[in-house]
C-alpha atoms as a PDB file:
ATOM      1  CA  MET A   1    -222.471-159.596  -8.527  1.00  0.00           C
ATOM      2  CA  GLU A   2    -224.885-162.612  -8.732  1.00  0.00           C
ATOM      3  CA  TYR A   3    -225.183-162.377  -4.873  1.00  0.00           C
ATOM      4  CA  VAL A   4    -226.237-158.709  -4.931  1.00  0.00           C
ATOM      5  CA  ILE A   5    -229.972-157.873  -4.887  1.00  0.00           C
ATOM      6  CA  LYS A   6    -231.342-156.932  -8.482  1.00  0.00           C
ATOM      7  CA  GLN A   7    -232.911-154.033  -7.145  1.00  0.00           C
ATOM      8  CA  TRP A   8    -229.496-152.675  -5.768  1.00  0.00           C
ATOM      9  CA  ARG A   9    -227.888-153.139  -9.064  1.00  0.00           C
ATOM     10  CA  ARG A  10    -230.551-151.151 -11.116  1.00  0.00           C
ATOM     11  CA  ALA A  11    -229.495-147.675 -11.858  1.00  0.00           C
ATOM     12  CA  GLN A  12    -232.011-144.695 -13.130  1.00  0.00           C
ATOM     13  CA  VAL A  13    -230.299-142.841 -16.017  1.00  0.00           C
ATOM     14  CA  ILE A  14    -230.973-139.239 -16.115  1.00  0.00           C
ATOM     15  CA  MET A  15    -230.332-137.072 -19.209  1.00  0.00           C
ATOM     16  CA  VAL A  16    -228.353-133.788 -18.243  1.00  0.00           C
ATOM     17  CA  LEU A  17    -228.294-131.072 -20.825  1.00  0.00           C
ATOM     18  CA  LYS A  18    -224.771-130.144 -21.596  1.00  0.00           C
ATOM     19  CA  PRO A  19    -223.942-126.352 -21.092  1.00  0.00           C
ATOM     20  CA  GLY A  20    -224.582-124.310 -24.213  1.00  0.00           C
ATOM     21  CA  LYS A  21    -226.139-127.131 -26.177  1.00  0.00           C
ATOM     22  CA  PRO A  22    -229.469-127.133 -28.161  1.00  0.00           C
ATOM     23  CA  PRO A  23    -232.159-129.251 -26.215  1.00  0.00           C
ATOM     24  CA  GLU A  24    -233.749-130.488 -29.429  1.00  0.00           C
ATOM     25  CA  GLN A  25    -230.619-132.699 -30.198  1.00  0.00           C
ATOM     26  CA  VAL A  26    -229.898-135.893 -28.518  1.00  0.00           C
ATOM     27  CA  THR A  27    -226.306-135.664 -28.773  1.00  0.00           C
ATOM     28  CA  SER A  28    -226.766-132.489 -26.516  1.00  0.00           C
ATOM     29  CA  TYR A  29    -227.187-134.670 -23.279  1.00  0.00           C
ATOM     30  CA  ARG A  30    -224.983-136.218 -21.051  1.00  0.00           C
ATOM     31  CA  PRO A  31    -226.280-139.666 -18.868  1.00  0.00           C
ATOM     32  CA  ILE A  32    -226.135-139.965 -15.402  1.00  0.00           C
ATOM     33  CA  SER A  33    -226.367-143.084 -13.653  1.00  0.00           C
ATOM     34  CA  LEU A  34    -228.006-142.799 -10.319  1.00  0.00           C
ATOM     35  CA  LEU A  35    -227.991-145.981  -7.966  1.00  0.00           C
ATOM     36  CA  PRO A  36    -229.941-146.798  -4.890  1.00  0.00           C
ATOM     37  CA  SER A  37    -228.446-145.355  -1.912  1.00  0.00           C
ATOM     38  CA  ILE A  38    -228.581-148.896  -0.054  1.00  0.00           C
ATOM     39  CA  SER A  39    -226.205-150.335  -2.863  1.00  0.00           C
ATOM     40  CA  LYS A  40    -223.856-147.443  -2.361  1.00  0.00           C
ATOM     41  CA  LEU A  41    -224.000-148.343   1.841  1.00  0.00           C
ATOM     42  CA  PHE A  42    -223.212-151.727   1.168  1.00  0.00           C
ATOM     43  CA  GLU A  43    -220.274-151.217  -1.008  1.00  0.00           C
ATOM     44  CA  LYS A  44    -218.808-148.901   1.667  1.00  0.00           C
ATOM     45  CA  LEU A  45    -219.204-151.168   4.336  1.00  0.00           C
ATOM     46  CA  LEU A  46    -217.681-154.014   2.123  1.00  0.00           C
ATOM     47  CA  ILE A  47    -214.701-152.209   1.407  1.00  0.00           C
ATOM     48  CA  LYS A  48    -214.012-151.102   5.015  1.00  0.00           C
ATOM     49  CA  HIS A  49    -214.053-154.927   6.270  1.00  0.00           C
ATOM     50  CA  LEU A  50    -212.412-156.325   3.150  1.00  0.00           C
ATOM     51  CA  LYS A  51    -209.533-153.789   2.678  1.00  0.00           C
ATOM     52  CA  PRO A  52    -207.416-154.643   5.873  1.00  0.00           C
ATOM     53  CA  LEU A  53    -207.709-157.918   4.626  1.00  0.00           C
ATOM     54  CA  ILE A  54    -206.618-157.578   0.987  1.00  0.00           C
ATOM     55  CA  GLU A  55    -203.713-155.161   2.153  1.00  0.00           C
ATOM     56  CA  GLU A  56    -202.341-157.694   4.756  1.00  0.00           C
ATOM     57  CA  LYS A  57    -202.691-160.346   2.150  1.00  0.00           C
ATOM     58  CA  GLN A  58    -201.043-158.477  -0.444  1.00  0.00           C
ATOM     59  CA  LEU A  59    -203.828-159.634  -2.786  1.00  0.00           C
ATOM     60  CA  VAL A  60    -203.408-156.503  -4.882  1.00  0.00           C
ATOM     61  CA  PRO A  61    -200.088-156.020  -6.842  1.00  0.00           C
ATOM     62  CA  GLU A  62    -197.966-152.800  -6.207  1.00  0.00           C
ATOM     63  CA  HIS A  63    -198.378-151.410  -9.648  1.00  0.00           C
ATOM     64  CA  GLN A  64    -202.496-151.220  -9.061  1.00  0.00           C
ATOM     65  CA  PHE A  65    -202.963-147.673  -7.898  1.00  0.00           C
ATOM     66  CA  GLY A  66    -207.012-147.930  -7.925  1.00  0.00           C
ATOM     67  CA  PHE A  67    -208.728-147.529  -4.582  1.00  0.00           C
ATOM     68  CA  ARG A  68    -205.360-147.271  -2.773  1.00  0.00           C
ATOM     69  CA  ASN A  69    -204.823-144.785  -0.187  1.00  0.00           C
ATOM     70  CA  LYS A  70    -201.526-142.457  -0.402  1.00  0.00           C
ATOM     71  CA  THR A  71    -201.158-142.650  -4.196  1.00  0.00           C
ATOM     72  CA  GLN A  72    -200.924-139.565  -5.991  1.00  0.00           C
ATOM     73  CA  GLN A  73    -201.567-138.906 -10.026  1.00  0.00           C
ATOM     74  CA  LEU A  74    -197.968-138.026 -10.502  1.00  0.00           C
ATOM     75  CA  THR A  75    -196.906-141.345  -9.001  1.00  0.00           C
ATOM     76  CA  ARG A  76    -198.846-143.345 -11.271  1.00  0.00           C
ATOM     77  CA  SER A  77    -198.026-141.693 -14.383  1.00  0.00           C
ATOM     78  CA  ILE A  78    -194.254-142.347 -13.374  1.00  0.00           C
ATOM     79  CA  VAL A  79    -195.003-145.951 -12.809  1.00  0.00           C
ATOM     80  CA  SER A  80    -197.250-146.428 -15.726  1.00  0.00           C
ATOM     81  CA  PRO A  81    -195.882-147.623 -18.756  1.00  0.00           C
ATOM     82  CA  THR A  82    -198.596-145.567 -21.163  1.00  0.00           C
END
């Protein structure tokens, strides 16, 4: 992450009140991080270009399901030891 522009890594944190919780209590709020749109766009473009290379070179183990197409939660649960 050292090579990404610092402004792209800064998130704006917004506190959102949980439904039915009293607004005067700090624990009644949920933090939501908002990233700059340009960083999201850059990430999507990077994944689009790197994904074919990663799949071709088989750099991700078969038991790794994160960010992989055509995998379902049921498959992950069956394969996962926990």
